[in-house]
Amino acid sequence: MEERKGTGLGGSRLVPSVQELVKESLVDVPPQYIRLDQDPPIISWPPSSLCEVPVIDLEQLTSDDSSADHELQKLHLACKDWGFFQIINHGVSGSLLDRVKKETQEFFKLPMEEKAKLWQTAEDIEGFGQAFVVSEEQKLDWADMFYVVTLPLHIRKPRLFSNLPLSFRSV
């Protein structure tokens, strides 16, 4: 089975793992992670209704009646104004979501030697690292990520999927 080249999303410059940077007993946050161009978040207490993440009902979005148009408008505004949203009525069981969350947390606790087997390549964003890093001057997120395509089966990358812990793979 031949590994496919890229996801169509492009590649990314390889950068050090944030988890490893923290282990090095940093005194100062590296400059590429400091974002002086952004206002600090406004945190109100108690939280106001203005801070609620948009909720999209997948059943309504895919229905044949007029509720689909309303839900589509909500989805449009969530993408435009927030950049993310919560989906409800998606059909995925709560127990499966809990198992995925647990396995993901366990994955990020693995030793770096294990995660290094899953490191991204410069040509593809799938793997462990950070995505969409295009220059050395770019401001970076203070986070590591793991991105892998699992379905359809024929596009899985054996280099990544076969190196995942068995419990993570099975979930």
N, C-alpha and C. Protein backbone atom coordinates (compact mmCIF):
# COMPACT_ATOMS: atom_id res chain seq x y z
N MET A 1 0.85 -1.18 0.00
CA MET A 1 0.00 0.00 0.00
C MET A 1 0.89 1.24 0.00
N GLU A 2 0.67 2.09 -0.94
CA GLU A 2 1.50 3.28 -1.06
C GLU A 2 0.90 4.43 -0.26
N GLU A 3 1.76 5.14 0.44
CA GLU A 3 1.30 6.29 1.22
C GLU A 3 0.97 7.43 0.28
N ARG A 4 -0.17 8.07 0.49
CA ARG A 4 -0.53 9.19 -0.39
C ARG A 4 0.30 10.41 -0.02
N LYS A 5 0.48 11.29 -0.94
CA LYS A 5 1.30 12.49 -0.73
C LYS A 5 0.40 13.65 -0.32
N GLY A 6 0.51 14.10 0.90
CA GLY A 6 -0.20 15.30 1.35
C GLY A 6 -1.70 15.12 1.49
N THR A 7 -2.31 16.07 2.12
CA THR A 7 -3.75 16.06 2.34
C THR A 7 -4.46 17.04 1.44
N GLY A 8 -3.71 17.74 0.63
CA GLY A 8 -4.30 18.80 -0.16
C GLY A 8 -4.34 20.11 0.61
N LEU A 9 -3.93 20.08 1.87
CA LEU A 9 -3.93 21.28 2.70
C LEU A 9 -2.56 21.93 2.75
N GLY A 10 -1.61 21.34 2.07
CA GLY A 10 -0.27 21.92 2.05
C GLY A 10 0.59 21.41 3.18
N GLY A 11 1.79 21.91 3.22
CA GLY A 11 2.73 21.50 4.24
C GLY A 11 2.87 22.55 5.32
N SER A 12 3.86 22.36 6.16
CA SER A 12 4.10 23.28 7.26
C SER A 12 5.57 23.19 7.64
N ARG A 13 6.16 24.32 8.01
CA ARG A 13 7.52 24.30 8.54
C ARG A 13 7.49 23.53 9.85
N LEU A 14 8.52 22.78 10.09
CA LEU A 14 8.59 22.02 11.32
C LEU A 14 9.12 22.90 12.44
N VAL A 15 8.46 22.85 13.59
CA VAL A 15 8.86 23.65 14.75
C VAL A 15 8.95 22.73 15.97
N PRO A 16 9.69 23.13 16.99
CA PRO A 16 9.82 22.30 18.18
C PRO A 16 8.47 22.08 18.87
N SER A 17 8.38 21.00 19.59
CA SER A 17 7.19 20.70 20.38
C SER A 17 7.11 21.64 21.57
N VAL A 18 5.93 22.20 21.79
CA VAL A 18 5.72 23.08 22.94
C VAL A 18 5.92 22.30 24.23
N GLN A 19 5.47 21.05 24.26
CA GLN A 19 5.67 20.23 25.46
C GLN A 19 7.15 20.08 25.78
N GLU A 20 7.99 19.94 24.77
CA GLU A 20 9.42 19.82 24.99
C GLU A 20 10.04 21.15 25.41
N LEU A 21 9.55 22.25 24.84
CA LEU A 21 10.05 23.57 25.25
C LEU A 21 9.80 23.79 26.74
N VAL A 22 8.64 23.40 27.22
CA VAL A 22 8.29 23.58 28.63
C VAL A 22 9.20 22.74 29.51
N LYS A 23 9.53 21.54 29.07
CA LYS A 23 10.41 20.65 29.86
C LYS A 23 11.82 21.21 30.00
N GLU A 24 12.21 22.12 29.10
CA GLU A 24 13.56 22.69 29.13
C GLU A 24 13.70 23.78 30.19
N SER A 25 12.72 23.94 31.06
CA SER A 25 12.74 24.96 32.11
C SER A 25 12.98 26.35 31.55
N LEU A 26 12.14 26.72 30.64
CA LEU A 26 12.23 28.05 30.03
C LEU A 26 12.10 29.14 31.08
N VAL A 27 12.89 30.18 30.95
CA VAL A 27 12.77 31.36 31.80
C VAL A 27 11.81 32.33 31.13
N ASP A 28 11.92 32.47 29.81
CA ASP A 28 11.06 33.37 29.04
C ASP A 28 10.39 32.60 27.91
N VAL A 29 9.20 33.03 27.58
CA VAL A 29 8.49 32.45 26.44
C VAL A 29 9.23 32.91 25.18
N PRO A 30 9.53 31.99 24.26
CA PRO A 30 10.21 32.40 23.02
C PRO A 30 9.38 33.44 22.27
N PRO A 31 10.04 34.39 21.62
CA PRO A 31 9.34 35.52 20.99
C PRO A 31 8.31 35.12 19.94
N GLN A 32 8.51 33.99 19.24
CA GLN A 32 7.54 33.62 18.21
C GLN A 32 6.18 33.22 18.79
N TYR A 33 6.10 33.08 20.11
CA TYR A 33 4.84 32.73 20.76
C TYR A 33 4.17 33.94 21.43
N ILE A 34 4.84 35.08 21.43
CA ILE A 34 4.29 36.27 22.09
C ILE A 34 3.55 37.10 21.05
N ARG A 35 2.29 37.38 21.33
CA ARG A 35 1.44 38.10 20.38
C ARG A 35 1.09 39.47 20.95
N LEU A 36 1.89 40.45 20.64
CA LEU A 36 1.64 41.81 21.11
C LEU A 36 0.59 42.52 20.27
N ASP A 37 0.26 41.94 19.12
CA ASP A 37 -0.69 42.58 18.20
C ASP A 37 -2.14 42.28 18.54
N GLN A 38 -2.39 41.56 19.62
CA GLN A 38 -3.76 41.21 19.97
C GLN A 38 -4.12 41.81 21.33
N ASP A 39 -5.36 42.23 21.43
CA ASP A 39 -5.85 42.72 22.72
C ASP A 39 -6.01 41.54 23.67
N PRO A 40 -5.76 41.76 24.96
CA PRO A 40 -5.98 40.66 25.90
C PRO A 40 -7.47 40.30 25.93
N PRO A 41 -7.79 39.04 26.22
CA PRO A 41 -9.20 38.66 26.25
C PRO A 41 -9.93 39.39 27.36
N ILE A 42 -11.18 39.71 27.10
CA ILE A 42 -12.03 40.33 28.11
C ILE A 42 -12.79 39.21 28.81
N ILE A 43 -12.53 39.08 30.08
CA ILE A 43 -13.17 38.01 30.84
C ILE A 43 -14.12 38.65 31.84
N SER A 44 -15.38 38.32 31.71
CA SER A 44 -16.36 38.88 32.63
C SER A 44 -16.84 37.78 33.58
N TRP A 45 -17.15 38.19 34.79
CA TRP A 45 -17.68 37.23 35.76
C TRP A 45 -18.88 37.85 36.43
N PRO A 46 -19.97 37.23 36.51
CA PRO A 46 -20.24 35.92 35.92
C PRO A 46 -20.30 36.03 34.40
N PRO A 47 -20.08 34.90 33.70
CA PRO A 47 -20.09 34.94 32.24
C PRO A 47 -21.43 35.46 31.72
N SER A 48 -21.37 36.28 30.70
CA SER A 48 -22.61 36.81 30.11
C SER A 48 -23.07 35.91 28.98
N SER A 49 -24.29 36.09 28.57
CA SER A 49 -24.81 35.30 27.46
C SER A 49 -24.11 35.65 26.16
N LEU A 50 -23.43 36.80 26.11
CA LEU A 50 -22.71 37.18 24.91
C LEU A 50 -21.51 36.27 24.65
N CYS A 51 -21.07 35.52 25.65
CA CYS A 51 -19.89 34.68 25.52
C CYS A 51 -20.23 33.23 25.22
N GLU A 52 -21.47 32.94 24.88
CA GLU A 52 -21.85 31.56 24.62
C GLU A 52 -21.41 31.13 23.22
N VAL A 53 -20.76 29.99 23.16
CA VAL A 53 -20.32 29.43 21.89
C VAL A 53 -21.55 29.09 21.06
N PRO A 54 -21.55 29.42 19.78
CA PRO A 54 -22.71 29.08 18.94
C PRO A 54 -22.95 27.57 18.90
N VAL A 55 -24.21 27.20 18.95
CA VAL A 55 -24.61 25.79 18.92
C VAL A 55 -25.37 25.54 17.62
N ILE A 56 -24.91 24.55 16.87
CA ILE A 56 -25.53 24.18 15.60
C ILE A 56 -26.16 22.80 15.75
N ASP A 57 -27.44 22.70 15.40
CA ASP A 57 -28.18 21.44 15.49
C ASP A 57 -28.10 20.73 14.14
N LEU A 58 -27.33 19.65 14.09
CA LEU A 58 -27.11 18.95 12.83
C LEU A 58 -28.40 18.35 12.28
N GLU A 59 -29.31 17.91 13.15
CA GLU A 59 -30.59 17.38 12.68
C GLU A 59 -31.37 18.47 11.94
N GLN A 60 -31.41 19.67 12.51
CA GLN A 60 -32.12 20.75 11.84
C GLN A 60 -31.41 21.18 10.56
N LEU A 61 -30.08 21.19 10.60
CA LEU A 61 -29.30 21.61 9.43
C LEU A 61 -29.56 20.70 8.24
N THR A 62 -29.80 19.43 8.50
CA THR A 62 -30.00 18.46 7.41
C THR A 62 -31.47 18.13 7.16
N SER A 63 -32.38 18.84 7.81
CA SER A 63 -33.81 18.56 7.62
C SER A 63 -34.30 19.13 6.29
N ASP A 64 -35.47 18.69 5.89
CA ASP A 64 -36.06 19.15 4.63
C ASP A 64 -36.99 20.34 4.82
N ASP A 65 -37.17 20.81 6.05
CA ASP A 65 -38.11 21.91 6.26
C ASP A 65 -37.38 23.24 6.41
N SER A 66 -38.13 24.26 6.75
CA SER A 66 -37.59 25.63 6.81
C SER A 66 -36.57 25.81 7.94
N SER A 67 -36.53 24.90 8.92
CA SER A 67 -35.56 25.05 10.00
C SER A 67 -34.12 24.92 9.48
N ALA A 68 -33.96 24.23 8.35
CA ALA A 68 -32.61 24.07 7.78
C ALA A 68 -32.04 25.42 7.36
N ASP A 69 -32.87 26.27 6.78
CA ASP A 69 -32.39 27.60 6.36
C ASP A 69 -31.93 28.43 7.56
N HIS A 70 -32.72 28.38 8.64
CA HIS A 70 -32.36 29.12 9.85
C HIS A 70 -31.05 28.58 10.43
N GLU A 71 -30.92 27.27 10.47
CA GLU A 71 -29.70 26.65 11.03
C GLU A 71 -28.50 26.94 10.14
N LEU A 72 -28.70 26.98 8.84
CA LEU A 72 -27.62 27.31 7.92
C LEU A 72 -27.14 28.75 8.14
N GLN A 73 -28.08 29.65 8.40
CA GLN A 73 -27.71 31.04 8.70
C GLN A 73 -26.91 31.11 10.01
N LYS A 74 -27.33 30.34 11.02
CA LYS A 74 -26.58 30.29 12.29
C LYS A 74 -25.17 29.75 12.06
N LEU A 75 -25.05 28.73 11.21
CA LEU A 75 -23.74 28.16 10.90
C LEU A 75 -22.87 29.20 10.20
N HIS A 76 -23.43 29.90 9.25
CA HIS A 76 -22.70 30.94 8.54
C HIS A 76 -22.16 31.99 9.51
N LEU A 77 -23.02 32.48 10.39
CA LEU A 77 -22.60 33.50 11.36
C LEU A 77 -21.56 32.96 12.34
N ALA A 78 -21.72 31.70 12.76
CA ALA A 78 -20.75 31.10 13.68
C ALA A 78 -19.37 31.05 13.03
N CYS A 79 -19.33 30.65 11.78
CA CYS A 79 -18.04 30.58 11.06
C CYS A 79 -17.46 31.98 10.86
N LYS A 80 -18.30 32.90 10.47
CA LYS A 80 -17.85 34.26 10.16
C LYS A 80 -17.42 35.02 11.42
N ASP A 81 -18.23 34.95 12.47
CA ASP A 81 -18.00 35.76 13.66
C ASP A 81 -17.14 35.07 14.72
N TRP A 82 -17.24 33.77 14.84
CA TRP A 82 -16.54 33.05 15.90
C TRP A 82 -15.36 32.22 15.40
N GLY A 83 -15.54 31.58 14.25
CA GLY A 83 -14.50 30.68 13.74
C GLY A 83 -14.63 29.27 14.25
N PHE A 84 -15.61 29.01 15.10
CA PHE A 84 -15.87 27.66 15.59
C PHE A 84 -17.28 27.61 16.16
N PHE A 85 -17.73 26.40 16.48
CA PHE A 85 -19.09 26.21 17.00
C PHE A 85 -19.19 24.83 17.61
N GLN A 86 -20.26 24.60 18.34
CA GLN A 86 -20.55 23.29 18.93
C GLN A 86 -21.67 22.66 18.12
N ILE A 87 -21.54 21.37 17.82
CA ILE A 87 -22.58 20.66 17.09
C ILE A 87 -23.32 19.74 18.06
N ILE A 88 -24.66 19.79 18.00
CA ILE A 88 -25.48 18.88 18.79
C ILE A 88 -26.31 18.02 17.82
N ASN A 89 -26.88 16.95 18.36
CA ASN A 89 -27.69 16.01 17.57
C ASN A 89 -26.93 15.48 16.36
N HIS A 90 -25.67 15.08 16.60
CA HIS A 90 -24.79 14.58 15.55
C HIS A 90 -24.80 13.06 15.47
N GLY A 91 -25.37 12.39 16.46
CA GLY A 91 -25.47 10.93 16.42
C GLY A 91 -24.28 10.19 17.01
N VAL A 92 -23.27 10.89 17.49
CA VAL A 92 -22.12 10.23 18.10
C VAL A 92 -22.41 10.12 19.60
N SER A 93 -22.27 8.92 20.13
CA SER A 93 -22.62 8.69 21.54
C SER A 93 -21.66 9.43 22.47
N GLY A 94 -22.20 9.83 23.61
CA GLY A 94 -21.39 10.49 24.63
C GLY A 94 -20.27 9.59 25.13
N SER A 95 -20.52 8.29 25.22
CA SER A 95 -19.48 7.38 25.70
C SER A 95 -18.32 7.29 24.71
N LEU A 96 -18.62 7.31 23.41
CA LEU A 96 -17.54 7.30 22.43
C LEU A 96 -16.73 8.60 22.50
N LEU A 97 -17.41 9.73 22.62
CA LEU A 97 -16.70 11.00 22.74
C LEU A 97 -15.81 11.02 23.98
N ASP A 98 -16.30 10.46 25.10
CA ASP A 98 -15.48 10.38 26.32
C ASP A 98 -14.25 9.51 26.10
N ARG A 99 -14.41 8.39 25.39
CA ARG A 99 -13.27 7.50 25.12
C ARG A 99 -12.24 8.19 24.21
N VAL A 100 -12.72 8.91 23.20
CA VAL A 100 -11.80 9.63 22.31
C VAL A 100 -11.04 10.69 23.10
N LYS A 101 -11.74 11.41 23.96
CA LYS A 101 -11.08 12.44 24.78
C LYS A 101 -10.01 11.82 25.67
N LYS A 102 -10.35 10.71 26.33
CA LYS A 102 -9.40 10.03 27.22
C LYS A 102 -8.17 9.56 26.44
N GLU A 103 -8.38 8.93 25.30
CA GLU A 103 -7.26 8.43 24.50
C GLU A 103 -6.40 9.56 23.96
N THR A 104 -7.02 10.67 23.61
CA THR A 104 -6.27 11.83 23.13
C THR A 104 -5.40 12.39 24.25
N GLN A 105 -5.96 12.48 25.45
CA GLN A 105 -5.17 12.97 26.59
C GLN A 105 -4.01 12.03 26.86
N GLU A 106 -4.24 10.72 26.79
CA GLU A 106 -3.16 9.75 27.00
C GLU A 106 -2.09 9.86 25.92
N PHE A 107 -2.52 10.12 24.68
CA PHE A 107 -1.56 10.29 23.59
C PHE A 107 -0.59 11.43 23.90
N PHE A 108 -1.11 12.56 24.35
CA PHE A 108 -0.24 13.71 24.61
C PHE A 108 0.64 13.51 25.83
N LYS A 109 0.36 12.51 26.65
CA LYS A 109 1.21 12.18 27.80
C LYS A 109 2.35 11.24 27.41
N LEU A 110 2.31 10.68 26.20
CA LEU A 110 3.36 9.75 25.77
C LEU A 110 4.72 10.43 25.77
N PRO A 111 5.79 9.65 25.95
CA PRO A 111 7.14 10.22 25.85
C PRO A 111 7.37 10.78 24.44
N MET A 112 8.22 11.77 24.34
CA MET A 112 8.49 12.41 23.05
C MET A 112 9.00 11.41 22.02
N GLU A 113 9.71 10.39 22.46
CA GLU A 113 10.23 9.38 21.52
C GLU A 113 9.09 8.68 20.78
N GLU A 114 7.98 8.46 21.48
CA GLU A 114 6.82 7.83 20.84
C GLU A 114 6.12 8.80 19.90
N LYS A 115 5.95 10.03 20.34
CA LYS A 115 5.29 11.02 19.48
C LYS A 115 6.16 11.37 18.28
N ALA A 116 7.48 11.25 18.42
CA ALA A 116 8.38 11.57 17.30
C ALA A 116 8.15 10.63 16.12
N LYS A 117 7.66 9.43 16.37
CA LYS A 117 7.34 8.50 15.29
C LYS A 117 6.18 9.02 14.44
N LEU A 118 5.46 9.97 14.98
CA LEU A 118 4.27 10.52 14.32
C LEU A 118 4.46 11.96 13.90
N TRP A 119 5.72 12.43 13.88
CA TRP A 119 6.01 13.82 13.58
C TRP A 119 5.58 14.16 12.16
N GLN A 120 5.11 15.39 11.97
CA GLN A 120 4.75 15.86 10.64
C GLN A 120 5.98 15.87 9.74
N THR A 121 5.72 15.88 8.45
CA THR A 121 6.79 16.12 7.50
C THR A 121 6.58 17.53 6.95
N ALA A 122 7.58 18.08 6.31
CA ALA A 122 7.47 19.44 5.78
C ALA A 122 6.43 19.53 4.65
N GLU A 123 6.09 18.40 4.03
CA GLU A 123 5.16 18.39 2.90
C GLU A 123 3.70 18.21 3.31
N ASP A 124 3.45 17.86 4.56
CA ASP A 124 2.10 17.46 4.94
C ASP A 124 1.81 17.86 6.37
N ILE A 125 0.58 18.29 6.65
CA ILE A 125 0.23 18.70 8.01
C ILE A 125 -0.23 17.53 8.88
N GLU A 126 -0.44 16.35 8.28
CA GLU A 126 -0.84 15.23 9.12
C GLU A 126 0.32 14.82 10.01
N GLY A 127 0.01 14.52 11.27
CA GLY A 127 1.02 14.09 12.21
C GLY A 127 1.04 14.99 13.44
N PHE A 128 2.08 14.84 14.23
CA PHE A 128 2.25 15.58 15.48
C PHE A 128 3.07 16.83 15.18
N GLY A 129 2.66 17.97 15.73
CA GLY A 129 3.41 19.22 15.55
C GLY A 129 2.49 20.41 15.52
N GLN A 130 2.72 21.33 14.62
CA GLN A 130 1.85 22.50 14.40
C GLN A 130 1.59 22.62 12.91
N ALA A 131 0.39 23.05 12.57
CA ALA A 131 0.02 23.15 11.16
C ALA A 131 0.10 24.59 10.68
N PHE A 132 0.29 24.73 9.40
CA PHE A 132 0.22 26.01 8.71
C PHE A 132 1.29 27.00 9.18
N VAL A 133 2.46 26.50 9.52
CA VAL A 133 3.58 27.38 9.84
C VAL A 133 4.30 27.62 8.51
N VAL A 134 4.31 28.88 8.06
CA VAL A 134 4.84 29.18 6.73
C VAL A 134 6.14 29.99 6.74
N SER A 135 6.49 30.57 7.90
CA SER A 135 7.75 31.34 7.95
C SER A 135 8.32 31.30 9.36
N GLU A 136 9.61 31.63 9.46
CA GLU A 136 10.26 31.66 10.77
C GLU A 136 9.79 32.84 11.61
N GLU A 137 9.28 33.87 10.96
CA GLU A 137 8.82 35.07 11.68
C GLU A 137 7.38 34.94 12.17
N GLN A 138 6.67 33.94 11.70
CA GLN A 138 5.25 33.78 12.02
C GLN A 138 5.04 33.57 13.52
N LYS A 139 3.99 34.18 14.06
CA LYS A 139 3.60 33.95 15.44
C LYS A 139 2.95 32.57 15.53
N LEU A 140 3.32 31.83 16.55
CA LEU A 140 2.85 30.45 16.70
C LEU A 140 1.90 30.31 17.88
N ASP A 141 1.07 29.28 17.82
CA ASP A 141 0.19 28.94 18.93
C ASP A 141 1.00 28.19 19.98
N TRP A 142 0.70 28.46 21.25
CA TRP A 142 1.38 27.80 22.34
C TRP A 142 0.68 26.45 22.56
N ALA A 143 0.84 25.56 21.59
CA ALA A 143 0.15 24.27 21.63
C ALA A 143 0.79 23.32 20.63
N ASP A 144 0.70 22.05 20.92
CA ASP A 144 1.02 21.00 19.96
C ASP A 144 -0.30 20.43 19.47
N MET A 145 -0.28 19.82 18.30
CA MET A 145 -1.49 19.20 17.79
C MET A 145 -1.13 17.86 17.17
N PHE A 146 -2.14 17.04 17.02
CA PHE A 146 -1.99 15.79 16.27
C PHE A 146 -3.17 15.71 15.33
N TYR A 147 -2.87 15.64 14.05
CA TYR A 147 -3.91 15.59 13.02
C TYR A 147 -3.68 14.36 12.17
N VAL A 148 -4.71 13.54 12.05
CA VAL A 148 -4.61 12.34 11.21
C VAL A 148 -5.97 12.08 10.58
N VAL A 149 -5.95 11.73 9.31
CA VAL A 149 -7.17 11.34 8.60
C VAL A 149 -7.36 9.85 8.83
N THR A 150 -8.55 9.47 9.31
CA THR A 150 -8.80 8.06 9.61
C THR A 150 -9.78 7.40 8.63
N LEU A 151 -10.63 8.19 8.02
CA LEU A 151 -11.61 7.65 7.07
C LEU A 151 -11.65 8.53 5.83
N PRO A 152 -11.86 7.99 4.69
CA PRO A 152 -12.03 6.58 4.38
C PRO A 152 -10.72 5.81 4.57
N LEU A 153 -10.86 4.53 4.79
CA LEU A 153 -9.71 3.68 5.12
C LEU A 153 -8.58 3.76 4.09
N HIS A 154 -8.92 3.87 2.82
CA HIS A 154 -7.89 3.82 1.78
C HIS A 154 -6.96 5.04 1.77
N ILE A 155 -7.31 6.10 2.50
CA ILE A 155 -6.40 7.25 2.52
C ILE A 155 -5.63 7.39 3.83
N ARG A 156 -5.82 6.44 4.73
CA ARG A 156 -5.01 6.46 5.96
C ARG A 156 -3.54 6.34 5.61
N LYS A 157 -2.71 7.01 6.37
CA LYS A 157 -1.27 6.92 6.16
C LYS A 157 -0.71 5.87 7.11
N PRO A 158 -0.22 4.77 6.56
CA PRO A 158 0.30 3.70 7.41
C PRO A 158 1.39 4.18 8.37
N ARG A 159 2.22 5.13 7.94
CA ARG A 159 3.30 5.64 8.79
C ARG A 159 2.74 6.22 10.09
N LEU A 160 1.57 6.85 10.00
CA LEU A 160 0.97 7.45 11.18
C LEU A 160 0.08 6.47 11.91
N PHE A 161 -0.87 5.91 11.21
CA PHE A 161 -1.90 5.12 11.87
C PHE A 161 -1.32 3.89 12.57
N SER A 162 -0.36 3.22 11.94
CA SER A 162 0.20 2.01 12.55
C SER A 162 1.08 2.31 13.75
N ASN A 163 1.53 3.56 13.92
CA ASN A 163 2.34 3.93 15.08
C ASN A 163 1.54 4.49 16.24
N LEU A 164 0.23 4.60 16.07
CA LEU A 164 -0.61 5.04 17.18
C LEU A 164 -0.73 3.93 18.21
N PRO A 165 -0.84 4.26 19.49
CA PRO A 165 -1.10 3.22 20.49
C PRO A 165 -2.39 2.47 20.10
N LEU A 166 -2.39 1.16 20.32
CA LEU A 166 -3.51 0.31 19.91
C LEU A 166 -4.85 0.81 20.48
N SER A 167 -4.85 1.23 21.74
CA SER A 167 -6.11 1.70 22.35
C SER A 167 -6.63 2.95 21.66
N PHE A 168 -5.73 3.83 21.23
CA PHE A 168 -6.12 5.05 20.52
C PHE A 168 -6.64 4.69 19.12
N ARG A 169 -5.94 3.78 18.46
CA ARG A 169 -6.33 3.34 17.13
C ARG A 169 -7.72 2.71 17.14
N SER A 170 -7.99 1.90 18.13
CA SER A 170 -9.28 1.19 18.16
C SER A 170 -10.46 2.12 18.42
N VAL A 171 -10.21 3.21 19.15
CA VAL A 171 -11.29 4.18 19.39
C VAL A 171 -11.54 4.96 18.13
